[in-house]
């Protein structure tokens, strides 16, 4: 994996290359950004360059190289056995090979975590310290990559503080995190932080055409809905018939929410709807919420006449996006999006789906009945 394989992030790639060529590569760095922006593949390519900086002719296979070490959140498979990253290394290599832009929930699925939440524990800290103490196999640089470093519990983080501040010579530590503020402040202060930017629609379109061999028009549609996240784009491709399922769920949801003002039984129906969608599973629940976000945004764009940006084509001809659009405007869109994003946040943290969607449905009912300014 090289910088040429990384989608976009040109300024950041140039910055990292200059660090290496000038001999000023920081010993501890923090890459901040959603998984789908490419933080992990970027870190892997950067690690390879660091090793090659002393031996340019050296061929690097980063997933097999003994001087590139990976640490990541894992779950216990039994209460009695403590597991760390090395116990999952085979699954990790497969995961990276198949989708280097994959996210944490996809990783949990790959290792059969079910509803367990992964951590980087103090036992992992011990393994990291042992790795830091070793001499490099090739006699040059050694690189440690800690994926989703925000999953380090406080005991782990505190145990590693000294090493982040003063690692051994020719040792580089790369932390990757989606939530910079979730890290200990003392760790943040010891790292040089670099932030990844959302990818452009053109970058995602070109990548989909090249990697997934998609038709240009289809690639453009997916890129437009991906919100600058390549992993989201890949998920949209894989959804297939989920689109029709999500559309039906969404239409049933908003129709029932509209009826709730005059029909008390609609509240019961919303609770039944919430129970049904909670059975889809965490990943599908998140995808549906993402679909709903886009649906509301499309309605807003249509309401304000931005027709060239409206790409939704509904399968259910009985529901009119044009008639729905006037109910979504500047007065309620921000709150609607905020509530949907909050629901995604809670689902990611394994909250009870029925409770999350029931609460969201009641709030949506109020927001849809909020009188738009242009109709007052």
Protein backbone atom coordinates (compact mmCIF):
# COMPACT_ATOMS: atom_id res chain seq x y z
CA UNK A 1 0.00 0.00 0.00
CA UNK A 2 1.49 3.31 -1.14
CA UNK A 3 0.43 6.96 -1.17
CA UNK A 4 -0.70 6.42 -4.78
CA UNK A 5 -3.32 3.98 -3.46
CA UNK A 6 -4.81 6.56 -1.10
CA UNK A 7 -7.89 8.43 -2.33
CA UNK A 8 -7.42 12.20 -2.11
CA UNK A 9 -5.72 13.78 0.94
CA UNK A 10 -3.06 15.26 -1.38
CA UNK A 11 -1.98 18.08 0.94
CA UNK A 12 -1.60 15.71 3.86
CA UNK A 13 0.36 13.19 1.79
CA UNK A 14 2.71 15.96 0.68
CA UNK A 15 3.13 17.12 4.28
CA UNK A 16 3.98 13.61 5.49
CA UNK A 17 6.44 13.04 2.65
CA UNK A 18 8.20 16.30 3.52
CA UNK A 19 8.46 15.17 7.15
CA UNK A 20 10.31 12.07 6.04
CA UNK A 21 12.54 13.68 3.42
CA UNK A 22 13.58 16.42 5.86
CA UNK A 23 14.28 13.91 8.63
CA UNK A 24 11.74 15.60 10.90
CA UNK A 25 9.11 12.90 11.23
CA UNK A 26 7.58 13.30 14.73
CA UNK A 27 7.94 10.29 17.00
CA UNK A 28 4.22 10.41 17.93
CA UNK A 29 1.45 11.47 15.57
CA UNK A 30 -2.32 11.46 15.75
CA UNK A 31 -4.33 11.00 12.55
CA UNK A 32 -7.88 12.31 13.11
CA UNK A 33 -10.77 11.50 10.81
CA UNK A 34 -13.61 9.12 10.02
CA UNK A 35 -12.49 5.68 8.88
CA UNK A 36 -13.92 6.27 5.41
CA UNK A 37 -11.61 9.25 4.86
CA UNK A 38 -8.58 6.97 4.72
CA UNK A 39 -6.70 7.45 8.02
CA UNK A 40 -5.72 3.78 8.32
CA UNK A 41 -4.46 3.23 4.74
CA UNK A 42 -2.67 6.58 4.97
CA UNK A 43 -0.93 5.48 8.19
CA UNK A 44 0.05 2.16 6.62
CA UNK A 45 1.51 3.87 3.53
CA UNK A 46 3.32 6.38 5.75
CA UNK A 47 4.76 3.56 7.88
CA UNK A 48 6.08 1.88 4.73
CA UNK A 49 7.75 5.12 3.64
CA UNK A 50 9.38 5.53 7.06
CA UNK A 51 10.93 2.08 6.74
CA UNK A 52 12.01 2.70 3.16
CA UNK A 53 13.61 6.04 4.04
CA UNK A 54 16.75 4.20 5.24
CA UNK A 55 16.68 1.54 2.54
CA UNK A 56 14.92 2.84 -0.62
CA UNK A 57 15.34 -0.46 -2.44
CA UNK A 58 13.59 -2.38 0.30
CA UNK A 59 10.23 -3.90 -0.71
CA UNK A 60 7.67 -3.42 2.05
CA UNK A 61 4.62 -5.59 2.65
CA UNK A 62 3.18 -3.61 5.57
CA UNK A 63 0.79 -6.33 6.73
CA UNK A 64 3.62 -8.85 7.06
CA UNK A 65 6.62 -6.65 7.86
CA UNK A 66 8.03 -7.40 11.36
CA UNK A 67 8.80 -3.71 11.95
CA UNK A 68 5.21 -2.49 11.43
CA UNK A 69 3.05 -3.37 14.42
CA UNK A 70 -0.74 -3.02 14.66
CA UNK A 71 -2.88 -2.55 17.76
CA UNK A 72 -6.65 -2.19 17.70
CA UNK A 73 -9.82 -2.74 19.78
CA UNK A 74 -10.68 -6.37 20.52
CA UNK A 75 -13.32 -8.23 22.51
CA UNK A 76 -13.08 -11.14 24.89
CA UNK A 77 -14.28 -14.44 23.46
CA UNK A 78 -14.67 -15.90 26.94
CA UNK A 79 -14.72 -14.33 30.43
CA UNK A 80 -11.67 -16.29 31.52
CA UNK A 81 -9.29 -15.48 28.67
CA UNK A 82 -7.64 -12.10 28.07
CA UNK A 83 -7.13 -11.36 24.39
CA UNK A 84 -5.03 -8.71 22.68
CA UNK A 85 -4.44 -7.62 19.10
CA UNK A 86 -1.96 -10.36 18.22
CA UNK A 87 -4.68 -12.94 18.90
CA UNK A 88 -6.73 -11.40 16.07
CA UNK A 89 -3.91 -10.70 13.63
CA UNK A 90 -5.15 -13.17 11.00
CA UNK A 91 -8.62 -11.56 10.97
CA UNK A 92 -6.99 -8.12 10.94
CA UNK A 93 -4.93 -8.83 7.83
CA UNK A 94 -8.01 -10.13 6.03
CA UNK A 95 -10.03 -7.10 7.12
CA UNK A 96 -7.41 -4.62 5.87
CA UNK A 97 -6.91 -6.48 2.61
CA UNK A 98 -10.63 -6.57 1.83
CA UNK A 99 -11.48 -3.00 2.85
CA UNK A 100 -8.78 -0.68 4.26
CA UNK A 101 -11.51 2.00 4.55
CA UNK A 102 -13.64 -0.25 6.77
CA UNK A 103 -15.05 1.09 10.04
CA UNK A 104 -15.14 -0.10 13.62
CA UNK A 105 -18.55 -1.78 13.38
CA UNK A 106 -17.42 -3.69 10.30
CA UNK A 107 -14.36 -4.81 12.27
CA UNK A 108 -16.58 -6.02 15.12
CA UNK A 109 -18.66 -7.96 12.60
CA UNK A 110 -15.50 -9.51 11.12
CA UNK A 111 -14.44 -10.89 14.51
CA UNK A 112 -17.92 -11.97 15.59
CA UNK A 113 -18.15 -9.44 18.42
CA UNK A 114 -21.97 -9.48 18.27
CA UNK A 115 -23.07 -6.74 20.69
CA UNK A 116 -19.79 -6.56 22.60
CA UNK A 117 -17.82 -3.33 22.45
CA UNK A 118 -14.10 -3.55 21.77
CA UNK A 119 -11.42 -1.98 23.94
CA UNK A 120 -7.68 -1.45 24.04
CA UNK A 121 -6.93 -2.50 27.60
CA UNK A 122 -4.02 -2.35 30.01
CA UNK A 123 -3.06 -5.87 28.85
CA UNK A 124 -2.60 -4.42 25.37
CA UNK A 125 -0.49 -1.64 26.91
CA UNK A 126 1.87 -4.29 28.20
CA UNK A 127 2.18 -5.77 24.71
CA UNK A 128 2.79 -2.28 23.25
CA UNK A 129 5.53 -1.57 25.78
CA UNK A 130 7.23 -4.89 24.99
CA UNK A 131 7.10 -4.02 21.29
CA UNK A 132 8.55 -0.57 21.95
CA UNK A 133 11.41 -2.09 23.90
CA UNK A 134 12.43 -4.41 21.06
CA UNK A 135 15.05 -3.50 18.48
CA UNK A 136 13.78 -3.29 14.94
CA UNK A 137 14.10 -6.46 12.90
CA UNK A 138 15.67 -4.64 9.95
CA UNK A 139 17.96 -2.48 12.04
CA UNK A 140 16.19 0.76 11.05
CA UNK A 141 12.86 2.34 11.91
CA UNK A 142 10.05 0.62 13.76
CA UNK A 143 6.44 1.82 13.50
CA UNK A 144 3.48 1.19 15.80
CA UNK A 145 -0.03 1.91 14.51
CA UNK A 146 -2.84 2.13 17.08
CA UNK A 147 -6.22 2.10 15.31
CA UNK A 148 -9.16 3.74 17.11
CA UNK A 149 -6.89 4.93 19.90
CA UNK A 150 -9.90 6.50 21.63
CA UNK A 151 -10.79 2.94 22.66
CA UNK A 152 -7.81 2.85 25.04
CA UNK A 153 -9.20 2.73 28.56
CA UNK A 154 -7.65 5.18 31.08
CA UNK A 155 -5.39 2.50 32.60
CA UNK A 156 -3.96 1.70 29.19
CA UNK A 157 -3.51 5.36 28.24
CA UNK A 158 -1.78 6.30 31.46
CA UNK A 159 0.58 3.34 31.22
CA UNK A 160 1.72 4.46 27.76
CA UNK A 161 2.16 8.18 28.49
CA UNK A 162 5.91 8.03 29.02
CA UNK A 163 6.42 6.14 25.77
CA UNK A 164 4.42 8.65 23.76
CA UNK A 165 6.61 11.41 25.16
CA UNK A 166 9.99 9.68 24.84
CA UNK A 167 9.90 6.51 22.71
CA UNK A 168 13.06 4.66 21.82
CA UNK A 169 15.24 5.94 19.02
CA UNK A 170 14.02 5.22 15.47
CA UNK A 171 10.54 4.45 16.77
CA UNK A 172 7.40 6.09 15.40
CA UNK A 173 3.96 5.81 16.95
CA UNK A 174 0.87 6.60 14.87
CA UNK A 175 -2.44 6.91 16.67
CA UNK A 176 -5.64 6.90 14.61
CA UNK A 177 -8.87 8.25 16.06
CA UNK A 178 -12.31 9.38 14.98
CA UNK A 179 -12.79 11.18 18.29
CA UNK A 180 -9.77 13.27 19.22
CA UNK A 181 -11.47 14.63 22.34
CA UNK A 182 -12.09 11.11 23.66
CA UNK A 183 -8.32 10.64 24.14
CA UNK A 184 -6.61 11.64 27.36
CA UNK A 185 -5.52 15.28 27.12
CA UNK A 186 -2.05 14.20 28.19
CA UNK A 187 -1.85 11.90 25.17
CA UNK A 188 -3.15 14.57 22.78
CA UNK A 189 -0.50 17.01 23.98
CA UNK A 190 2.29 14.51 23.22
CA UNK A 191 1.27 13.95 19.61
CA UNK A 192 1.41 16.01 16.45
CA UNK A 193 -2.20 16.04 15.23
CA UNK A 194 -3.13 15.93 11.56
CA UNK A 195 -6.75 16.07 10.40
CA UNK A 196 -8.11 14.32 7.32
CA UNK A 197 -10.59 16.19 5.16
CA UNK A 198 -13.77 14.75 3.62
CA UNK A 199 -13.15 13.49 0.11
CA UNK A 200 -14.56 15.40 -2.84
CA UNK A 201 -17.34 13.97 -5.00
CA UNK A 202 -14.93 13.85 -7.95
CA UNK A 203 -12.35 11.87 -5.93
CA UNK A 204 -14.96 9.34 -4.81
CA UNK A 205 -16.48 9.11 -8.30
CA UNK A 206 -13.10 8.38 -9.89
CA UNK A 207 -12.25 5.84 -7.19
CA UNK A 208 -15.56 4.00 -7.67
CA UNK A 209 -15.03 3.87 -11.43
CA UNK A 210 -11.46 2.60 -10.99
CA UNK A 211 -11.92 0.20 -8.08
CA UNK A 212 -15.55 -0.96 -8.42
CA UNK A 213 -15.80 -0.55 -12.23
CA UNK A 214 -19.03 1.42 -11.91
CA UNK A 215 -20.71 3.34 -14.68
CA UNK A 216 -19.88 7.04 -14.51
CA UNK A 217 -23.46 8.18 -13.83
CA UNK A 218 -24.01 5.62 -11.07
CA UNK A 219 -20.66 6.47 -9.50
CA UNK A 220 -21.63 10.15 -9.47
CA UNK A 221 -24.95 9.44 -7.75
CA UNK A 222 -23.28 7.35 -5.05
CA UNK A 223 -20.49 9.90 -4.55
CA UNK A 224 -23.09 12.64 -4.12
CA UNK A 225 -24.76 10.68 -1.29
CA UNK A 226 -21.53 9.57 0.40
CA UNK A 227 -20.84 12.84 2.24
CA UNK A 228 -17.14 12.67 1.46
CA UNK A 229 -16.74 9.20 2.99
CA UNK A 230 -15.48 6.37 0.76
CA UNK A 231 -16.63 3.66 3.16
CA UNK A 232 -20.14 5.13 3.05
CA UNK A 233 -19.95 5.00 -0.75
CA UNK A 234 -19.02 1.30 -0.61
CA UNK A 235 -21.92 0.63 1.76
CA UNK A 236 -24.31 2.38 -0.62
CA UNK A 237 -23.19 0.03 -3.39
CA UNK A 238 -23.77 -3.00 -1.18
CA UNK A 239 -27.21 -1.87 -0.05
CA UNK A 240 -28.89 -3.07 -3.23
CA UNK A 241 -32.49 -3.95 -2.37
CA UNK A 242 -32.11 -2.27 1.02
CA UNK A 243 -32.98 1.01 -0.69
CA UNK A 244 -36.55 -0.15 -1.35
CA UNK A 245 -36.80 -1.45 2.22
CA UNK A 246 -35.52 1.83 3.67
CA UNK A 247 -37.84 3.85 1.43
CA UNK A 248 -40.88 1.87 2.60
CA UNK A 249 -39.85 2.23 6.25
CA UNK A 250 -39.27 5.96 5.88
CA UNK A 251 -42.58 6.64 4.13
CA UNK A 252 -44.51 4.62 6.72
CA UNK A 253 -42.63 6.52 9.45
CA UNK A 254 -43.37 10.06 8.27
CA UNK A 255 -46.96 9.26 7.26
CA UNK A 256 -47.65 7.94 10.75
CA UNK A 257 -45.89 10.93 12.30
CA UNK A 258 -48.14 13.30 10.31
CA UNK A 259 -51.27 11.45 11.47
CA UNK A 260 -50.23 11.59 15.14
CA UNK A 261 -51.59 15.12 15.57
CA UNK A 262 -55.19 14.02 14.93
CA UNK A 263 -55.07 10.28 15.61
CA UNK A 264 -53.86 9.12 19.01
CA UNK A 265 -53.55 5.54 17.75
CA UNK A 266 -50.68 6.72 15.57
CA UNK A 267 -48.45 6.93 18.66
CA UNK A 268 -49.01 3.21 19.21
CA UNK A 269 -48.19 2.61 15.55
CA UNK A 270 -44.97 4.61 15.90
CA UNK A 271 -43.98 2.43 18.86
CA UNK A 272 -44.70 -0.70 16.81
CA UNK A 273 -42.68 0.77 13.93
CA UNK A 274 -39.79 1.46 16.34
CA UNK A 275 -39.90 -2.11 17.62
CA UNK A 276 -39.83 -3.47 14.07
CA UNK A 277 -36.86 -1.40 12.92
CA UNK A 278 -34.94 -2.22 16.11
CA UNK A 279 -34.93 -5.86 14.97
CA UNK A 280 -32.87 -5.01 11.87
CA UNK A 281 -29.60 -4.93 13.81
CA UNK A 282 -27.24 -2.09 14.64
CA UNK A 283 -25.57 -1.74 11.24
CA UNK A 284 -28.84 -1.65 9.31
CA UNK A 285 -30.32 0.78 11.83
CA UNK A 286 -27.41 3.15 11.20
CA UNK A 287 -27.78 2.80 7.43
CA UNK A 288 -31.48 3.60 7.68
CA UNK A 289 -30.77 6.70 9.75
CA UNK A 290 -28.20 7.78 7.16
CA UNK A 291 -30.79 7.22 4.42
CA UNK A 292 -33.31 9.30 6.40
CA UNK A 293 -30.81 12.15 6.75
CA UNK A 294 -30.38 12.23 2.99
CA UNK A 295 -34.16 12.04 2.42
CA UNK A 296 -34.77 15.10 4.59
CA UNK A 297 -31.92 16.99 2.92
CA UNK A 298 -33.30 16.18 -0.52
CA UNK A 299 -36.70 17.50 0.59
CA UNK A 300 -35.06 20.72 1.80
CA UNK A 301 -33.22 21.20 -1.50
CA UNK A 302 -36.44 20.63 -3.44
CA UNK A 303 -38.31 23.06 -1.18
CA UNK A 304 -35.78 25.80 -1.93
CA UNK A 305 -35.63 25.13 -5.66
CA UNK A 306 -32.17 23.53 -5.92
CA UNK A 307 -33.47 21.06 -8.49
CA UNK A 308 -30.05 20.24 -9.95
CA UNK A 309 -29.02 18.79 -6.56
CA UNK A 310 -32.11 16.60 -6.12
CA UNK A 311 -31.35 13.03 -7.21
CA UNK A 312 -33.90 10.93 -5.29
CA UNK A 313 -36.23 8.87 -7.50
CA UNK A 314 -38.82 7.13 -5.32
CA UNK A 315 -40.06 3.65 -6.11
CA UNK A 316 -43.36 4.26 -4.29
CA UNK A 317 -45.33 6.51 -6.65
CA UNK A 318 -48.02 7.05 -4.00
CA UNK A 319 -45.63 9.25 -2.01
CA UNK A 320 -44.79 12.65 -3.45
CA UNK A 321 -41.43 14.16 -2.52
CA UNK A 322 -42.72 17.42 -4.02
CA UNK A 323 -45.67 17.52 -1.58
CA UNK A 324 -43.50 16.46 1.34
CA UNK A 325 -40.79 19.06 0.68
CA UNK A 326 -42.69 22.16 1.97
CA UNK A 327 -42.71 20.64 5.46
CA UNK A 328 -38.89 20.67 5.59
CA UNK A 329 -37.34 24.13 5.75
CA UNK A 330 -34.79 26.24 7.56
CA UNK A 331 -36.96 26.28 10.68
CA UNK A 332 -36.79 22.55 11.39
CA UNK A 333 -34.08 20.92 9.23
CA UNK A 334 -31.24 21.65 11.63
CA UNK A 335 -33.09 20.11 14.57
CA UNK A 336 -34.20 17.09 12.50
CA UNK A 337 -30.63 16.41 11.38
CA UNK A 338 -29.35 16.88 14.92
CA UNK A 339 -31.83 14.33 16.29
CA UNK A 340 -30.95 11.80 13.56
CA UNK A 341 -27.22 12.21 14.18
CA UNK A 342 -27.80 11.84 17.91
CA UNK A 343 -29.70 8.59 17.24
CA UNK A 344 -26.78 7.29 15.15
CA UNK A 345 -24.43 8.18 18.02
CA UNK A 346 -26.55 6.21 20.51
CA UNK A 347 -26.95 3.20 18.20
CA UNK A 348 -23.17 3.10 17.69
CA UNK A 349 -22.83 2.86 21.46
CA UNK A 350 -25.20 -0.08 21.64
CA UNK A 351 -28.21 1.76 23.07
CA UNK A 352 -31.59 0.00 23.02
CA UNK A 353 -32.86 0.46 19.47
CA UNK A 354 -36.56 0.46 20.36
CA UNK A 355 -36.06 3.23 22.92
CA UNK A 356 -33.87 5.28 20.55
CA UNK A 357 -36.35 5.08 17.66
CA UNK A 358 -39.42 5.66 19.84
CA UNK A 359 -37.85 8.81 21.25
CA UNK A 360 -36.78 9.92 17.77
CA UNK A 361 -40.28 9.29 16.37
CA UNK A 362 -41.98 11.43 19.01
CA UNK A 363 -39.52 14.26 18.36
CA UNK A 364 -39.99 13.93 14.60
CA UNK A 365 -43.76 14.19 15.02
CA UNK A 366 -43.36 17.54 16.79
CA UNK A 367 -40.85 18.83 14.25
CA UNK A 368 -42.97 17.92 11.22
CA UNK A 369 -45.95 19.72 12.70
CA UNK A 370 -43.87 22.81 13.45
CA UNK A 371 -45.33 25.54 11.27
CA UNK A 372 -42.83 26.66 8.60
CA UNK A 373 -42.10 30.38 8.45
CA UNK A 374 -43.16 30.72 4.83
CA UNK A 375 -46.64 29.33 5.65
CA UNK A 376 -47.33 31.48 8.71
